[in-house]
C-alpha atoms as a PDB file:
ATOM      1  CA  VAL A   1      20.397  19.726  11.243  1.00  0.00           C
ATOM      2  CA  PHE A   2      16.899  20.989  10.490  1.00  0.00           C
ATOM      3  CA  LYS A   3      14.311  20.379  13.163  1.00  0.00           C
ATOM      4  CA  LYS A   4      10.558  20.707  12.838  1.00  0.00           C
ATOM      5  CA  THR A   5       8.826  22.835  15.444  1.00  0.00           C
ATOM      6  CA  CYS A   6       5.373  21.423  14.638  1.00  0.00           C
ATOM      7  CA  GLY A   7       3.842  18.278  13.120  1.00  0.00           C
ATOM      8  CA  GLU A   8       2.690  17.688   9.569  1.00  0.00           C
ATOM      9  CA  LYS A   9      -0.728  16.691   8.333  1.00  0.00           C
ATOM     10  CA  LYS A  10      -1.206  13.313   6.645  1.00  0.00           C
ATOM     11  CA  ASP A  11      -0.792  13.389   2.859  1.00  0.00           C
ATOM     12  CA  ALA A  12      -3.834  13.288   0.601  1.00  0.00           C
ATOM     13  CA  ASP A  13      -4.699  10.213  -1.463  1.00  0.00           C
ATOM     14  CA  PHE A  14      -3.399  11.481  -4.802  1.00  0.00           C
ATOM     15  CA  GLN A  15      -4.383   8.355  -6.749  1.00  0.00           C
ATOM     16  CA  ALA A  16      -8.004   8.625  -5.593  1.00  0.00           C
ATOM     17  CA  ALA A  17      -8.011  12.313  -6.528  1.00  0.00           C
ATOM     18  CA  GLU A  18      -6.639  11.594 -10.003  1.00  0.00           C
ATOM     19  CA  ASP A  19      -9.153   8.781 -10.605  1.00  0.00           C
ATOM     20  CA  TYR A  20     -12.048  10.956  -9.451  1.00  0.00           C
ATOM     21  CA  LEU A  21     -10.908  13.866 -11.610  1.00  0.00           C
ATOM     22  CA  ASN A  22     -10.471  11.690 -14.709  1.00  0.00           C
ATOM     23  CA  ASN A  23     -13.946  10.160 -14.254  1.00  0.00           C
ATOM     24  CA  CYS A  24     -15.487  13.547 -13.535  1.00  0.00           C
ATOM     25  CA  ILE A  25     -14.085  15.205 -16.649  1.00  0.00           C
ATOM     26  CA  ALA A  26     -14.557  12.154 -18.882  1.00  0.00           C
ATOM     27  CA  SER A  27     -18.264  12.033 -18.007  1.00  0.00           C
ATOM     28  CA  SER A  28     -18.737  15.719 -18.868  1.00  0.00           C
ATOM     29  CA  ASN A  29     -18.607  17.487 -22.214  1.00  0.00           C
ATOM     30  CA  TYR A  30     -16.325  20.318 -21.151  1.00  0.00           C
ATOM     31  CA  ALA A  31     -13.205  21.402 -23.032  1.00  0.00           C
ATOM     32  CA  PRO A  32     -10.012  21.878 -20.947  1.00  0.00           C
ATOM     33  CA  ASP A  33     -10.454  25.662 -21.310  1.00  0.00           C
ATOM     34  CA  ASP A  34     -13.846  25.354 -19.583  1.00  0.00           C
ATOM     35  CA  VAL A  35     -12.795  23.243 -16.560  1.00  0.00           C
ATOM     36  CA  TYR A  36     -11.652  25.370 -13.607  1.00  0.00           C
ATOM     37  CA  ASN A  37     -10.183  24.500 -10.229  1.00  0.00           C
ATOM     38  CA  SER A  38     -10.620  26.750  -7.218  1.00  0.00           C
ATOM     39  CA  ASP A  39      -8.949  26.575  -3.824  1.00  0.00           C
ATOM     40  CA  GLU A  40      -8.195  28.783  -0.847  1.00  0.00           C
ATOM     41  CA  THR A  41      -4.981  29.046   1.045  1.00  0.00           C
ATOM     42  CA  GLY A  42      -4.095  30.896   4.223  1.00  0.00           C
ATOM     43  CA  LEU A  43      -1.147  33.274   4.231  1.00  0.00           C
ATOM     44  CA  TYR A  44       0.225  33.894   7.715  1.00  0.00           C
ATOM     45  CA  TYR A  45       2.328  36.883   6.738  1.00  0.00           C
ATOM     46  CA  ARG A  46       4.064  37.317  10.119  1.00  0.00           C
ATOM     47  CA  ALA A  47       4.726  33.643  10.815  1.00  0.00           C
ATOM     48  CA  LEU A  48       8.197  32.335  11.485  1.00  0.00           C
ATOM     49  CA  PRO A  49       9.504  29.272   9.611  1.00  0.00           C
ATOM     50  CA  ASP A  50       8.552  25.896  11.080  1.00  0.00           C
ATOM     51  CA  SER A  51      12.049  24.501  10.369  1.00  0.00           C
ATOM     52  CA  ILE A  52      15.202  25.981  11.824  1.00  0.00           C
ATOM     53  CA  PHE A  53      18.909  25.236  11.552  1.00  0.00           C
ATOM     54  CA  ASP A  54      20.209  23.776  14.791  1.00  0.00           C
ATOM     55  CA  PHE A  55      23.778  23.104  15.845  1.00  0.00           C
ATOM     56  CA  LYS A  56      24.418  19.804  17.597  1.00  0.00           C
ATOM     57  CA  GLY A  57      23.975  20.077  21.335  1.00  0.00           C
ATOM     58  CA  THR A  58      21.813  23.220  21.335  1.00  0.00           C
ATOM     59  CA  THR A  59      18.153  23.398  22.240  1.00  0.00           C
ATOM     60  CA  VAL A  60      15.304  24.677  20.112  1.00  0.00           C
ATOM     61  CA  ASN A  61      12.843  26.888  21.931  1.00  0.00           C
ATOM     62  CA  GLY A  62       9.274  27.264  20.804  1.00  0.00           C
ATOM     63  CA  CYS A  63       7.640  30.585  20.121  1.00  0.00           C
ATOM     64  CA  LYS A  64       4.146  31.996  19.998  1.00  0.00           C
ATOM     65  CA  LYS A  65       2.559  31.432  16.600  1.00  0.00           C
ATOM     66  CA  GLN A  66       1.472  34.585  14.840  1.00  0.00           C
ATOM     67  CA  LYS A  67      -2.165  34.609  13.763  1.00  0.00           C
ATOM     68  CA  GLN A  68      -2.265  37.552  11.357  1.00  0.00           C
ATOM     69  CA  ARG A  69      -3.549  36.022   8.153  1.00  0.00           C
ATOM     70  CA  LEU A  70      -5.010  36.619   4.739  1.00  0.00           C
ATOM     71  CA  THR A  71      -7.082  34.088   2.841  1.00  0.00           C
ATOM     72  CA  ILE A  72      -6.341  33.853  -0.865  1.00  0.00           C
ATOM     73  CA  LEU A  73      -8.680  32.241  -3.396  1.00  0.00           C
ATOM     74  CA  LEU A  74      -6.955  31.103  -6.588  1.00  0.00           C
ATOM     75  CA  VAL A  75      -8.818  29.968  -9.709  1.00  0.00           C
ATOM     76  CA  CYS A  76      -7.323  28.645 -12.952  1.00  0.00           C
ATOM     77  CA  ASN A  77      -8.585  26.593 -15.875  1.00  0.00           C
ATOM     78  CA  MET A  78      -7.315  23.125 -16.775  1.00  0.00           C
ATOM     79  CA  SER A  79      -5.352  24.280 -19.820  1.00  0.00           C
ATOM     80  CA  GLY A  80      -3.681  27.104 -17.870  1.00  0.00           C
ATOM     81  CA  THR A  81      -4.834  29.772 -20.328  1.00  0.00           C
ATOM     82  CA  ASP A  82      -7.124  31.621 -17.895  1.00  0.00           C
ATOM     83  CA  LYS A  83      -5.980  32.564 -14.418  1.00  0.00           C
ATOM     84  CA  ARG A  84      -8.722  34.533 -12.692  1.00  0.00           C
ATOM     85  CA  ARG A  85      -7.979  37.559 -10.526  1.00  0.00           C
ATOM     86  CA  SER A  86      -7.054  36.397  -7.052  1.00  0.00           C
ATOM     87  CA  LEU A  87      -9.521  37.069  -4.277  1.00  0.00           C
ATOM     88  CA  ILE A  88      -7.920  38.236  -1.026  1.00  0.00           C
ATOM     89  CA  ILE A  89      -9.765  38.269   2.300  1.00  0.00           C
ATOM     90  CA  GLY A  90      -8.370  40.339   5.153  1.00  0.00           C
ATOM     91  CA  LYS A  91      -9.657  41.560   8.513  1.00  0.00           C
ATOM     92  CA  SER A  92      -9.863  45.293   7.774  1.00  0.00           C
ATOM     93  CA  LYS A  93     -12.493  46.685   5.454  1.00  0.00           C
ATOM     94  CA  ASN A  94     -10.274  49.659   4.544  1.00  0.00           C
ATOM     95  CA  PRO A  95      -6.635  48.830   5.410  1.00  0.00           C
ATOM     96  CA  ARG A  96      -4.332  51.819   5.863  1.00  0.00           C
ATOM     97  CA  CYS A  97      -1.934  50.417   3.275  1.00  0.00           C
ATOM     98  CA  PHE A  98      -4.650  50.839   0.594  1.00  0.00           C
ATOM     99  CA  ARG A  99      -5.266  54.561   1.280  1.00  0.00           C
ATOM    100  CA  SER A 100      -3.305  55.893  -1.690  1.00  0.00           C
ATOM    101  CA  VAL A 101      -4.048  52.924  -3.967  1.00  0.00           C
ATOM    102  CA  LYS A 102      -6.635  53.631  -6.676  1.00  0.00           C
ATOM    103  CA  THR A 103      -6.913  50.102  -8.110  1.00  0.00           C
ATOM    104  CA  LEU A 104      -5.795  46.686  -6.915  1.00  0.00           C
ATOM    105  CA  PRO A 105      -4.707  43.759  -9.118  1.00  0.00           C
ATOM    106  CA  VAL A 106      -6.871  41.523  -6.881  1.00  0.00           C
ATOM    107  CA  ASP A 107     -10.424  41.493  -5.533  1.00  0.00           C
ATOM    108  CA  TYR A 108     -10.332  42.396  -1.834  1.00  0.00           C
ATOM    109  CA  TYR A 109     -12.966  41.468   0.765  1.00  0.00           C
ATOM    110  CA  ALA A 110     -12.948  41.683   4.544  1.00  0.00           C
ATOM    111  CA  ASN A 111     -14.464  39.870   7.502  1.00  0.00           C
ATOM    112  CA  SER A 112     -13.588  39.637  11.183  1.00  0.00           C
ATOM    113  CA  ASN A 113     -11.342  36.556  10.964  1.00  0.00           C
ATOM    114  CA  ALA A 114     -10.145  36.812   7.326  1.00  0.00           C
ATOM    115  CA  TRP A 115     -11.765  33.511   6.344  1.00  0.00           C
ATOM    116  CA  MET A 116     -13.846  32.610   3.316  1.00  0.00           C
ATOM    117  CA  THR A 117     -17.581  32.780   3.968  1.00  0.00           C
ATOM    118  CA  SER A 118     -20.492  31.599   1.862  1.00  0.00           C
ATOM    119  CA  ILE A 119     -21.540  35.242   1.365  1.00  0.00           C
ATOM    120  CA  ILE A 120     -18.130  36.256  -0.045  1.00  0.00           C
ATOM    121  CA  PHE A 121     -17.923  33.116  -2.188  1.00  0.00           C
ATOM    122  CA  THR A 122     -21.452  33.629  -3.548  1.00  0.00           C
ATOM    123  CA  GLU A 123     -20.683  37.258  -4.410  1.00  0.00           C
ATOM    124  CA  PHE A 124     -17.500  36.149  -6.210  1.00  0.00           C
ATOM    125  CA  LEU A 125     -19.409  33.519  -8.225  1.00  0.00           C
ATOM    126  CA  LEU A 126     -22.279  35.842  -9.154  1.00  0.00           C
ATOM    127  CA  LYS A 127     -19.792  38.423 -10.455  1.00  0.00           C
ATOM    128  CA  TRP A 128     -17.967  35.773 -12.484  1.00  0.00           C
ATOM    129  CA  ASP A 129     -21.246  34.371 -13.837  1.00  0.00           C
ATOM    130  CA  ARG A 130     -22.218  37.859 -15.083  1.00  0.00           C
ATOM    131  CA  GLU A 131     -18.798  38.247 -16.771  1.00  0.00           C
ATOM    132  CA  ILE A 132     -19.262  35.039 -18.770  1.00  0.00           C
ATOM    133  CA  LYS A 133     -22.603  36.318 -20.205  1.00  0.00           C
ATOM    134  CA  LYS A 134     -23.782  33.060 -21.792  1.00  0.00           C
ATOM    135  CA  VAL A 135     -20.710  32.943 -24.037  1.00  0.00           C
ATOM    136  CA  ARG A 136     -19.896  29.498 -22.673  1.00  0.00           C
ATOM    137  CA  ARG A 137     -20.627  27.124 -19.836  1.00  0.00           C
ATOM    138  CA  ILE A 138     -17.854  26.189 -17.405  1.00  0.00           C
ATOM    139  CA  LEU A 139     -17.273  23.484 -14.799  1.00  0.00           C
ATOM    140  CA  LEU A 140     -15.832  24.605 -11.459  1.00  0.00           C
ATOM    141  CA  LEU A 141     -14.124  21.966  -9.293  1.00  0.00           C
ATOM    142  CA  LEU A 142     -14.356  22.702  -5.565  1.00  0.00           C
ATOM    143  CA  ASP A 143     -13.469  21.079  -2.266  1.00  0.00           C
ATOM    144  CA  ASN A 144     -16.198  20.292   0.255  1.00  0.00           C
ATOM    145  CA  CYS A 145     -16.319  23.354   2.468  1.00  0.00           C
ATOM    146  CA  THR A 146     -19.222  25.015   4.238  1.00  0.00           C
ATOM    147  CA  ALA A 147     -18.241  28.290   2.559  1.00  0.00           C
ATOM    148  CA  HIS A 148     -18.833  26.727  -0.875  1.00  0.00           C
ATOM    149  CA  PRO A 149     -22.601  26.614  -1.390  1.00  0.00           C
ATOM    150  CA  ASN A 150     -23.984  24.683  -4.357  1.00  0.00           C
ATOM    151  CA  LEU A 151     -25.748  27.569  -6.084  1.00  0.00           C
ATOM    152  CA  GLN A 152     -28.441  26.486  -8.514  1.00  0.00           C
ATOM    153  CA  ASN A 153     -29.248  29.931  -9.916  1.00  0.00           C
ATOM    154  CA  LEU A 154     -26.031  30.445 -11.884  1.00  0.00           C
ATOM    155  CA  GLU A 155     -26.534  30.428 -15.648  1.00  0.00           C
ATOM    156  CA  ASN A 156     -22.997  29.676 -16.817  1.00  0.00           C
ATOM    157  CA  ILE A 157     -21.230  27.811 -13.999  1.00  0.00           C
ATOM    158  CA  ASP A 158     -21.681  24.154 -13.015  1.00  0.00           C
ATOM    159  CA  PHE A 159     -20.088  22.637  -9.884  1.00  0.00           C
ATOM    160  CA  LYS A 160     -18.370  19.378  -9.048  1.00  0.00           C
ATOM    161  CA  PHE A 161     -17.255  18.864  -5.472  1.00  0.00           C
ATOM    162  CA  PHE A 162     -14.177  16.790  -4.642  1.00  0.00           C
ATOM    163  CA  LEU A 163     -14.587  13.781  -2.407  1.00  0.00           C
ATOM    164  CA  GLU A 164     -13.377  14.372   1.151  1.00  0.00           C
ATOM    165  CA  SER A 165     -10.764  11.591   0.948  1.00  0.00           C
ATOM    166  CA  THR A 166      -8.970  13.311  -1.955  1.00  0.00           C
ATOM    167  CA  GLY A 167      -7.954  16.471  -0.122  1.00  0.00           C
END
């Protein structure tokens, strides 16, 4: 028997999200290659599973949750042809494990709690905007988060924020 050691969050309203997305893209003039989705996820790399196998008649003891985390920002376009380099946020500015590494396959940033901040997100967007160099204009779909500022000074990136009830 598998037992949960913690609760689960309520599911998102997927129908509302799909309707919003269809209306959002239908009202714009962007090709599927130019519509991007961006989202962060937390990776608790020392966490134990939240489900365990339990024999009948035994007890399940709780344990202290590990808090060592990385935040990972993933960005991909609608057609799946362009997956941007992942952005990783950790706590250490210069982790020991990177000492002998000359290049990383990801963009690495650091702050005290390994969370996305508006400064890190703005820096990421400005770098991406410079890479596009007026070759095309893209639409970036984002969730409503205080770390996601609506920057007006970008030349090649437009924003659409998801409704709160869809995520």
